[in-house]
Amino acid sequence: AEEEQEGQQRRFGREDQQQQQQQQQQQQQQQQQQQQQQQQQQQQQQGRRAGGRRSSSSSGRVAERGSSGARGRGAGAF
């Protein structure tokens, strides 16, 4: 692996390699941010579903009768 890196350095120069590494790091950071956003959305949905029995009665629907999916849609969770 070290020999390959040395060969690449001779071919492209060290500056090019540094730029490539920086781009890869930026991409990884963006992916991490996306994952965090997805986790936050899931937590919000779970919170609404868990509180559906109490809160959905204020919207005029009987929470205990419907399924959790119907409750979520009625409360505007999705």
PDB file of N, CA and C in Angstrom:
ATOM      1  N   ALA A   1       0.841  -1.208   0.000  1.00  0.00           N
ATOM      2  CA  ALA A   1       0.000   0.000   0.000  1.00  0.00           C
ATOM      3  C   ALA A   1       0.872   1.254   0.000  1.00  0.00           C
ATOM      4  N   GLU A   2       1.959   1.224   0.768  1.00  0.00           N
ATOM      5  CA  GLU A   2       2.846   2.394   0.819  1.00  0.00           C
ATOM      6  C   GLU A   2       3.483   2.637  -0.535  1.00  0.00           C
ATOM      7  N   GLU A   3       3.882   1.543  -1.217  1.00  0.00           N
ATOM      8  CA  GLU A   3       4.497   1.696  -2.538  1.00  0.00           C
ATOM      9  C   GLU A   3       3.502   2.321  -3.511  1.00  0.00           C
ATOM     10  N   GLU A   4       2.244   1.904  -3.441  1.00  0.00           N
ATOM     11  CA  GLU A   4       1.228   2.481  -4.326  1.00  0.00           C
ATOM     12  C   GLU A   4       1.067   3.972  -4.055  1.00  0.00           C
ATOM     13  N   GLN A   5       1.060   4.350  -2.791  1.00  0.00           N
ATOM     14  CA  GLN A   5       0.924   5.768  -2.454  1.00  0.00           C
ATOM     15  C   GLN A   5       2.090   6.567  -3.005  1.00  0.00           C
ATOM     16  N   GLU A   6       3.303   6.025  -2.888  1.00  0.00           N
ATOM     17  CA  GLU A   6       4.471   6.732  -3.415  1.00  0.00           C
ATOM     18  C   GLU A   6       4.342   6.902  -4.920  1.00  0.00           C
ATOM     19  N   GLY A   7       3.855   5.861  -5.596  1.00  0.00           N
ATOM     20  CA  GLY A   7       3.676   5.949  -7.040  1.00  0.00           C
ATOM     21  C   GLY A   7       2.656   7.015  -7.401  1.00  0.00           C
ATOM     22  N   GLN A   8       1.587   7.073  -6.649  1.00  0.00           N
ATOM     23  CA  GLN A   8       0.560   8.088  -6.910  1.00  0.00           C
ATOM     24  C   GLN A   8       1.122   9.481  -6.672  1.00  0.00           C
ATOM     25  N   GLN A   9       1.927   9.629  -5.641  1.00  0.00           N
ATOM     26  CA  GLN A   9       2.508  10.939  -5.360  1.00  0.00           C
ATOM     27  C   GLN A   9       3.383  11.383  -6.525  1.00  0.00           C
ATOM     28  N   ARG A  10       4.138  10.445  -7.109  1.00  0.00           N
ATOM     29  CA  ARG A  10       4.987  10.819  -8.244  1.00  0.00           C
ATOM     30  C   ARG A  10       4.127  11.197  -9.442  1.00  0.00           C
ATOM     31  N   ARG A  11       3.030  10.471  -9.651  1.00  0.00           N
ATOM     32  CA  ARG A  11       2.203  10.723 -10.834  1.00  0.00           C
ATOM     33  C   ARG A  11       1.429  12.036 -10.697  1.00  0.00           C
ATOM     34  N   PHE A  12       0.732  12.209  -9.588  1.00  0.00           N
ATOM     35  CA  PHE A  12      -0.209  13.330  -9.474  1.00  0.00           C
ATOM     36  C   PHE A  12       0.360  14.499  -8.673  1.00  0.00           C
ATOM     37  N   GLY A  13       1.367  14.256  -7.896  1.00  0.00           N
ATOM     38  CA  GLY A  13       1.889  15.302  -7.017  1.00  0.00           C
ATOM     39  C   GLY A  13       1.168  15.294  -5.687  1.00  0.00           C
ATOM     40  N   ARG A  14       1.828  15.791  -4.655  1.00  0.00           N
ATOM     41  CA  ARG A  14       1.246  15.708  -3.314  1.00  0.00           C
ATOM     42  C   ARG A  14       0.069  16.664  -3.160  1.00  0.00           C
ATOM     43  N   GLU A  15       0.065  17.766  -3.861  1.00  0.00           N
ATOM     44  CA  GLU A  15      -1.036  18.734  -3.714  1.00  0.00           C
ATOM     45  C   GLU A  15      -2.366  18.102  -4.119  1.00  0.00           C
ATOM     46  N   ASP A  16      -2.372  17.367  -5.230  1.00  0.00           N
ATOM     47  CA  ASP A  16      -3.608  16.726  -5.679  1.00  0.00           C
ATOM     48  C   ASP A  16      -4.119  15.767  -4.612  1.00  0.00           C
ATOM     49  N   GLN A  17      -3.224  15.007  -4.033  1.00  0.00           N
ATOM     50  CA  GLN A  17      -3.666  14.030  -3.029  1.00  0.00           C
ATOM     51  C   GLN A  17      -4.316  14.734  -1.842  1.00  0.00           C
ATOM     52  N   GLN A  18      -3.728  15.826  -1.407  1.00  0.00           N
ATOM     53  CA  GLN A  18      -4.306  16.545  -0.266  1.00  0.00           C
ATOM     54  C   GLN A  18      -5.715  17.028  -0.601  1.00  0.00           C
ATOM     55  N   GLN A  19      -5.905  17.533  -1.808  1.00  0.00           N
ATOM     56  CA  GLN A  19      -7.235  17.998  -2.196  1.00  0.00           C
ATOM     57  C   GLN A  19      -8.234  16.844  -2.179  1.00  0.00           C
ATOM     58  N   GLN A  20      -7.831  15.698  -2.681  1.00  0.00           N
ATOM     59  CA  GLN A  20      -8.735  14.549  -2.698  1.00  0.00           C
ATOM     60  C   GLN A  20      -9.127  14.157  -1.275  1.00  0.00           C
ATOM     61  N   GLN A  21      -8.173  14.153  -0.376  1.00  0.00           N
ATOM     62  CA  GLN A  21      -8.482  13.777   1.003  1.00  0.00           C
ATOM     63  C   GLN A  21      -9.474  14.759   1.623  1.00  0.00           C
ATOM     64  N   GLN A  22      -9.282  16.051   1.358  1.00  0.00           N
ATOM     65  CA  GLN A  22     -10.202  17.043   1.919  1.00  0.00           C
ATOM     66  C   GLN A  22     -11.620  16.829   1.401  1.00  0.00           C
ATOM     67  N   GLN A  23     -11.756  16.553   0.118  1.00  0.00           N
ATOM     68  CA  GLN A  23     -13.081  16.325  -0.440  1.00  0.00           C
ATOM     69  C   GLN A  23     -13.747  15.126   0.229  1.00  0.00           C
ATOM     70  N   GLN A  24     -12.995  14.063   0.433  1.00  0.00           N
ATOM     71  CA  GLN A  24     -13.572  12.879   1.070  1.00  0.00           C
ATOM     72  C   GLN A  24     -14.058  13.212   2.477  1.00  0.00           C
ATOM     73  N   GLN A  25     -13.281  13.972   3.218  1.00  0.00           N
ATOM     74  CA  GLN A  25     -13.694  14.326   4.576  1.00  0.00           C
ATOM     75  C   GLN A  25     -14.990  15.134   4.556  1.00  0.00           C
ATOM     76  N   GLN A  26     -15.100  16.074   3.617  1.00  0.00           N
ATOM     77  CA  GLN A  26     -16.315  16.877   3.541  1.00  0.00           C
ATOM     78  C   GLN A  26     -17.525  16.001   3.252  1.00  0.00           C
ATOM     79  N   GLN A  27     -17.381  15.051   2.354  1.00  0.00           N
ATOM     80  CA  GLN A  27     -18.492  14.163   2.034  1.00  0.00           C
ATOM     81  C   GLN A  27     -18.917  13.377   3.270  1.00  0.00           C
ATOM     82  N   GLN A  28     -17.954  12.883   4.023  1.00  0.00           N
ATOM     83  CA  GLN A  28     -18.293  12.121   5.223  1.00  0.00           C
ATOM     84  C   GLN A  28     -19.062  12.990   6.213  1.00  0.00           C
ATOM     85  N   GLN A  29     -18.643  14.236   6.371  1.00  0.00           N
ATOM     86  CA  GLN A  29     -19.339  15.125   7.298  1.00  0.00           C
ATOM     87  C   GLN A  29     -20.782  15.348   6.853  1.00  0.00           C
ATOM     88  N   GLN A  30     -20.998  15.530   5.556  1.00  0.00           N
ATOM     89  CA  GLN A  30     -22.355  15.725   5.064  1.00  0.00           C
ATOM     90  C   GLN A  30     -23.215  14.500   5.362  1.00  0.00           C
ATOM     91  N   GLN A  31     -22.659  13.314   5.163  1.00  0.00           N
ATOM     92  CA  GLN A  31     -23.421  12.096   5.438  1.00  0.00           C
ATOM     93  C   GLN A  31     -23.800  12.026   6.910  1.00  0.00           C
ATOM     94  N   GLN A  32     -22.875  12.378   7.783  1.00  0.00           N
ATOM     95  CA  GLN A  32     -23.179  12.343   9.211  1.00  0.00           C
ATOM     96  C   GLN A  32     -24.322  13.303   9.541  1.00  0.00           C
ATOM     97  N   GLN A  33     -24.310  14.491   8.936  1.00  0.00           N
ATOM     98  CA  GLN A  33     -25.388  15.449   9.196  1.00  0.00           C
ATOM     99  C   GLN A  33     -26.732  14.888   8.752  1.00  0.00           C
ATOM    100  N   GLN A  34     -26.759  14.249   7.597  1.00  0.00           N
ATOM    101  CA  GLN A  34     -28.009  13.670   7.119  1.00  0.00           C
ATOM    102  C   GLN A  34     -28.515  12.611   8.094  1.00  0.00           C
ATOM    103  N   GLN A  35     -27.612  11.778   8.593  1.00  0.00           N
ATOM    104  CA  GLN A  35     -28.028  10.738   9.535  1.00  0.00           C
ATOM    105  C   GLN A  35     -28.617  11.370  10.793  1.00  0.00           C
ATOM    106  N   GLN A  36     -27.998  12.432  11.276  1.00  0.00           N
ATOM    107  CA  GLN A  36     -28.524  13.082  12.477  1.00  0.00           C
ATOM    108  C   GLN A  36     -29.928  13.620  12.232  1.00  0.00           C
ATOM    109  N   GLN A  37     -30.151  14.222  11.066  1.00  0.00           N
ATOM    110  CA  GLN A  37     -31.478  14.751  10.755  1.00  0.00           C
ATOM    111  C   GLN A  37     -32.510  13.628  10.734  1.00  0.00           C
ATOM    112  N   GLN A  38     -32.156  12.499  10.138  1.00  0.00           N
ATOM    113  CA  GLN A  38     -33.094  11.377  10.085  1.00  0.00           C
ATOM    114  C   GLN A  38     -33.437  10.903  11.492  1.00  0.00           C
ATOM    115  N   GLN A  39     -32.441  10.812  12.353  1.00  0.00           N
ATOM    116  CA  GLN A  39     -32.702  10.362  13.714  1.00  0.00           C
ATOM    117  C   GLN A  39     -33.650  11.327  14.424  1.00  0.00           C
ATOM    118  N   GLN A  40     -33.446  12.627  14.228  1.00  0.00           N
ATOM    119  CA  GLN A  40     -34.326  13.599  14.878  1.00  0.00           C
ATOM    120  C   GLN A  40     -35.763  13.442  14.394  1.00  0.00           C
ATOM    121  N   GLN A  41     -35.953  13.242  13.100  1.00  0.00           N
ATOM    122  CA  GLN A  41     -37.301  13.072  12.571  1.00  0.00           C
ATOM    123  C   GLN A  41     -37.961  11.840  13.179  1.00  0.00           C
ATOM    124  N   GLN A  42     -37.224  10.747  13.278  1.00  0.00           N
ATOM    125  CA  GLN A  42     -37.795   9.524  13.844  1.00  0.00           C
ATOM    126  C   GLN A  42     -38.213   9.755  15.291  1.00  0.00           C
ATOM    127  N   GLN A  43     -37.388  10.458  16.050  1.00  0.00           N
ATOM    128  CA  GLN A  43     -37.733  10.712  17.446  1.00  0.00           C
ATOM    129  C   GLN A  43     -39.013  11.536  17.548  1.00  0.00           C
ATOM    130  N   GLN A  44     -39.158  12.534  16.675  1.00  0.00           N
ATOM    131  CA  GLN A  44     -40.366  13.354  16.716  1.00  0.00           C
ATOM    132  C   GLN A  44     -41.603  12.505  16.429  1.00  0.00           C
ATOM    133  N   GLN A  45     -41.516  11.641  15.421  1.00  0.00           N
ATOM    134  CA  GLN A  45     -42.666  10.806  15.081  1.00  0.00           C
ATOM    135  C   GLN A  45     -43.012   9.878  16.240  1.00  0.00           C
ATOM    136  N   GLN A  46     -41.987   9.278  16.854  1.00  0.00           N
ATOM    137  CA  GLN A  46     -42.253   8.375  17.972  1.00  0.00           C
ATOM    138  C   GLN A  46     -42.916   9.136  19.116  1.00  0.00           C
ATOM    139  N   GLY A  47     -42.452  10.353  19.366  1.00  0.00           N
ATOM    140  CA  GLY A  47     -43.027  11.149  20.446  1.00  0.00           C
ATOM    141  C   GLY A  47     -44.494  11.442  20.188  1.00  0.00           C
ATOM    142  N   ARG A  48     -44.836  11.764  18.941  1.00  0.00           N
ATOM    143  CA  ARG A  48     -46.234  12.060  18.617  1.00  0.00           C
ATOM    144  C   ARG A  48     -47.087  10.814  18.758  1.00  0.00           C
ATOM    145  N   ARG A  49     -46.536   9.665  18.326  1.00  0.00           N
ATOM    146  CA  ARG A  49     -47.322   8.427  18.426  1.00  0.00           C
ATOM    147  C   ARG A  49     -47.560   8.068  19.883  1.00  0.00           C
ATOM    148  N   ALA A  50     -46.506   8.238  20.705  1.00  0.00           N
ATOM    149  CA  ALA A  50     -46.632   7.857  22.112  1.00  0.00           C
ATOM    150  C   ALA A  50     -47.658   8.752  22.805  1.00  0.00           C
ATOM    151  N   GLY A  51     -47.673  10.037  22.442  1.00  0.00           N
ATOM    152  CA  GLY A  51     -48.612  10.961  23.079  1.00  0.00           C
ATOM    153  C   GLY A  51     -49.946  11.024  22.365  1.00  0.00           C
ATOM    154  N   GLY A  52     -50.150  10.160  21.376  1.00  0.00           N
ATOM    155  CA  GLY A  52     -51.350  10.238  20.546  1.00  0.00           C
ATOM    156  C   GLY A  52     -52.621  10.024  21.341  1.00  0.00           C
ATOM    157  N   ARG A  53     -52.601   9.110  22.297  1.00  0.00           N
ATOM    158  CA  ARG A  53     -53.827   8.781  23.036  1.00  0.00           C
ATOM    159  C   ARG A  53     -54.338   9.991  23.789  1.00  0.00           C
ATOM    160  N   ARG A  54     -53.419  10.744  24.365  1.00  0.00           N
ATOM    161  CA  ARG A  54     -53.860  11.897  25.150  1.00  0.00           C
ATOM    162  C   ARG A  54     -54.191  13.080  24.234  1.00  0.00           C
ATOM    163  N   SER A  55     -53.286  13.357  23.270  1.00  0.00           N
ATOM    164  CA  SER A  55     -53.405  14.617  22.530  1.00  0.00           C
ATOM    165  C   SER A  55     -54.470  14.545  21.440  1.00  0.00           C
ATOM    166  N   SER A  56     -54.703  13.352  20.870  1.00  0.00           N
ATOM    167  CA  SER A  56     -55.603  13.306  19.720  1.00  0.00           C
ATOM    168  C   SER A  56     -57.057  13.510  20.147  1.00  0.00           C
ATOM    169  N   SER A  57     -57.360  13.359  21.421  1.00  0.00           N
ATOM    170  CA  SER A  57     -58.734  13.593  21.867  1.00  0.00           C
ATOM    171  C   SER A  57     -59.104  15.065  21.683  1.00  0.00           C
ATOM    172  N   SER A  58     -58.111  15.946  21.695  1.00  0.00           N
ATOM    173  CA  SER A  58     -58.394  17.370  21.523  1.00  0.00           C
ATOM    174  C   SER A  58     -58.786  17.676  20.082  1.00  0.00           C
ATOM    175  N   SER A  59     -58.416  16.784  19.139  1.00  0.00           N
ATOM    176  CA  SER A  59     -58.774  17.022  17.741  1.00  0.00           C
ATOM    177  C   SER A  59     -60.151  16.441  17.422  1.00  0.00           C
ATOM    178  N   GLY A  60     -60.867  15.931  18.423  1.00  0.00           N
ATOM    179  CA  GLY A  60     -62.220  15.443  18.227  1.00  0.00           C
ATOM    180  C   GLY A  60     -62.283  13.995  17.813  1.00  0.00           C
ATOM    181  N   ARG A  61     -61.188  13.262  17.911  1.00  0.00           N
ATOM    182  CA  ARG A  61     -61.210  11.844  17.541  1.00  0.00           C
ATOM    183  C   ARG A  61     -61.034  10.993  18.790  1.00  0.00           C
ATOM    184  N   VAL A  62     -61.683   9.842  18.816  1.00  0.00           N
ATOM    185  CA  VAL A  62     -61.500   8.933  19.945  1.00  0.00           C
ATOM    186  C   VAL A  62     -60.228   8.133  19.688  1.00  0.00           C
ATOM    187  N   ALA A  63     -59.198   8.368  20.508  1.00  0.00           N
ATOM    188  CA  ALA A  63     -57.885   7.804  20.228  1.00  0.00           C
ATOM    189  C   ALA A  63     -57.872   6.294  20.428  1.00  0.00           C
ATOM    190  N   GLU A  64     -58.583   5.807  21.455  1.00  0.00           N
ATOM    191  CA  GLU A  64     -58.467   4.394  21.808  1.00  0.00           C
ATOM    192  C   GLU A  64     -59.045   3.485  20.733  1.00  0.00           C
ATOM    193  N   ARG A  65     -59.952   3.994  19.914  1.00  0.00           N
ATOM    194  CA  ARG A  65     -60.642   3.127  18.966  1.00  0.00           C
ATOM    195  C   ARG A  65     -59.731   2.765  17.785  1.00  0.00           C
ATOM    196  N   GLY A  66     -59.039   3.789  17.232  1.00  0.00           N
ATOM    197  CA  GLY A  66     -58.286   3.571  16.000  1.00  0.00           C
ATOM    198  C   GLY A  66     -56.947   2.903  16.240  1.00  0.00           C
ATOM    199  N   SER A  67     -56.333   2.471  15.129  1.00  0.00           N
ATOM    200  CA  SER A  67     -54.992   1.894  15.213  1.00  0.00           C
ATOM    201  C   SER A  67     -53.979   3.021  15.326  1.00  0.00           C
ATOM    202  N   SER A  68     -52.732   2.654  15.606  1.00  0.00           N
ATOM    203  CA  SER A  68     -51.708   3.685  15.779  1.00  0.00           C
ATOM    204  C   SER A  68     -51.481   4.423  14.466  1.00  0.00           C
ATOM    205  N   GLY A  69     -51.610   3.742  13.333  1.00  0.00           N
ATOM    206  CA  GLY A  69     -51.408   4.399  12.043  1.00  0.00           C
ATOM    207  C   GLY A  69     -52.468   5.448  11.793  1.00  0.00           C
ATOM    208  N   ALA A  70     -53.747   5.101  12.057  1.00  0.00           N
ATOM    209  CA  ALA A  70     -54.838   6.050  11.857  1.00  0.00           C
ATOM    210  C   ALA A  70     -54.689   7.222  12.815  1.00  0.00           C
ATOM    211  N   ARG A  71     -54.242   6.936  14.018  1.00  0.00           N
ATOM    212  CA  ARG A  71     -54.066   7.989  15.005  1.00  0.00           C
ATOM    213  C   ARG A  71     -53.008   8.981  14.518  1.00  0.00           C
ATOM    214  N   GLY A  72     -51.897   8.433  13.981  1.00  0.00           N
ATOM    215  CA  GLY A  72     -50.814   9.301  13.521  1.00  0.00           C
ATOM    216  C   GLY A  72     -51.275  10.201  12.399  1.00  0.00           C
ATOM    217  N   ARG A  73     -52.036   9.655  11.451  1.00  0.00           N
ATOM    218  CA  ARG A  73     -52.492  10.464  10.318  1.00  0.00           C
ATOM    219  C   ARG A  73     -53.503  11.513  10.800  1.00  0.00           C
ATOM    220  N   GLY A  74     -54.379  11.118  11.720  1.00  0.00           N
ATOM    221  CA  GLY A  74     -55.388  12.051  12.199  1.00  0.00           C
ATOM    222  C   GLY A  74     -54.755  13.233  12.920  1.00  0.00           C
ATOM    223  N   ALA A  75     -53.646  12.976  13.597  1.00  0.00           N
ATOM    224  CA  ALA A  75     -52.979  14.052  14.328  1.00  0.00           C
ATOM    225  C   ALA A  75     -52.083  14.871  13.411  1.00  0.00           C
ATOM    226  N   GLY A  76     -51.967  14.474  12.157  1.00  0.00           N
ATOM    227  CA  GLY A  76     -51.128  15.209  11.219  1.00  0.00           C
ATOM    228  C   GLY A  76     -49.651  14.939  11.413  1.00  0.00           C
ATOM    229  N   ALA A  77     -49.319  13.747  11.906  1.00  0.00           N
ATOM    230  CA  ALA A  77     -47.909  13.451  12.179  1.00  0.00           C
ATOM    231  C   ALA A  77     -47.136  13.263  10.890  1.00  0.00           C
ATOM    232  N   PHE A  78     -47.804  12.733   9.848  1.00  0.00           N
ATOM    233  CA  PHE A  78     -47.067  12.426   8.618  1.00  0.00           C
ATOM    234  C   PHE A  78     -47.314  13.546   7.617  1.00  0.00           C
TER     235      PHE A  78
END
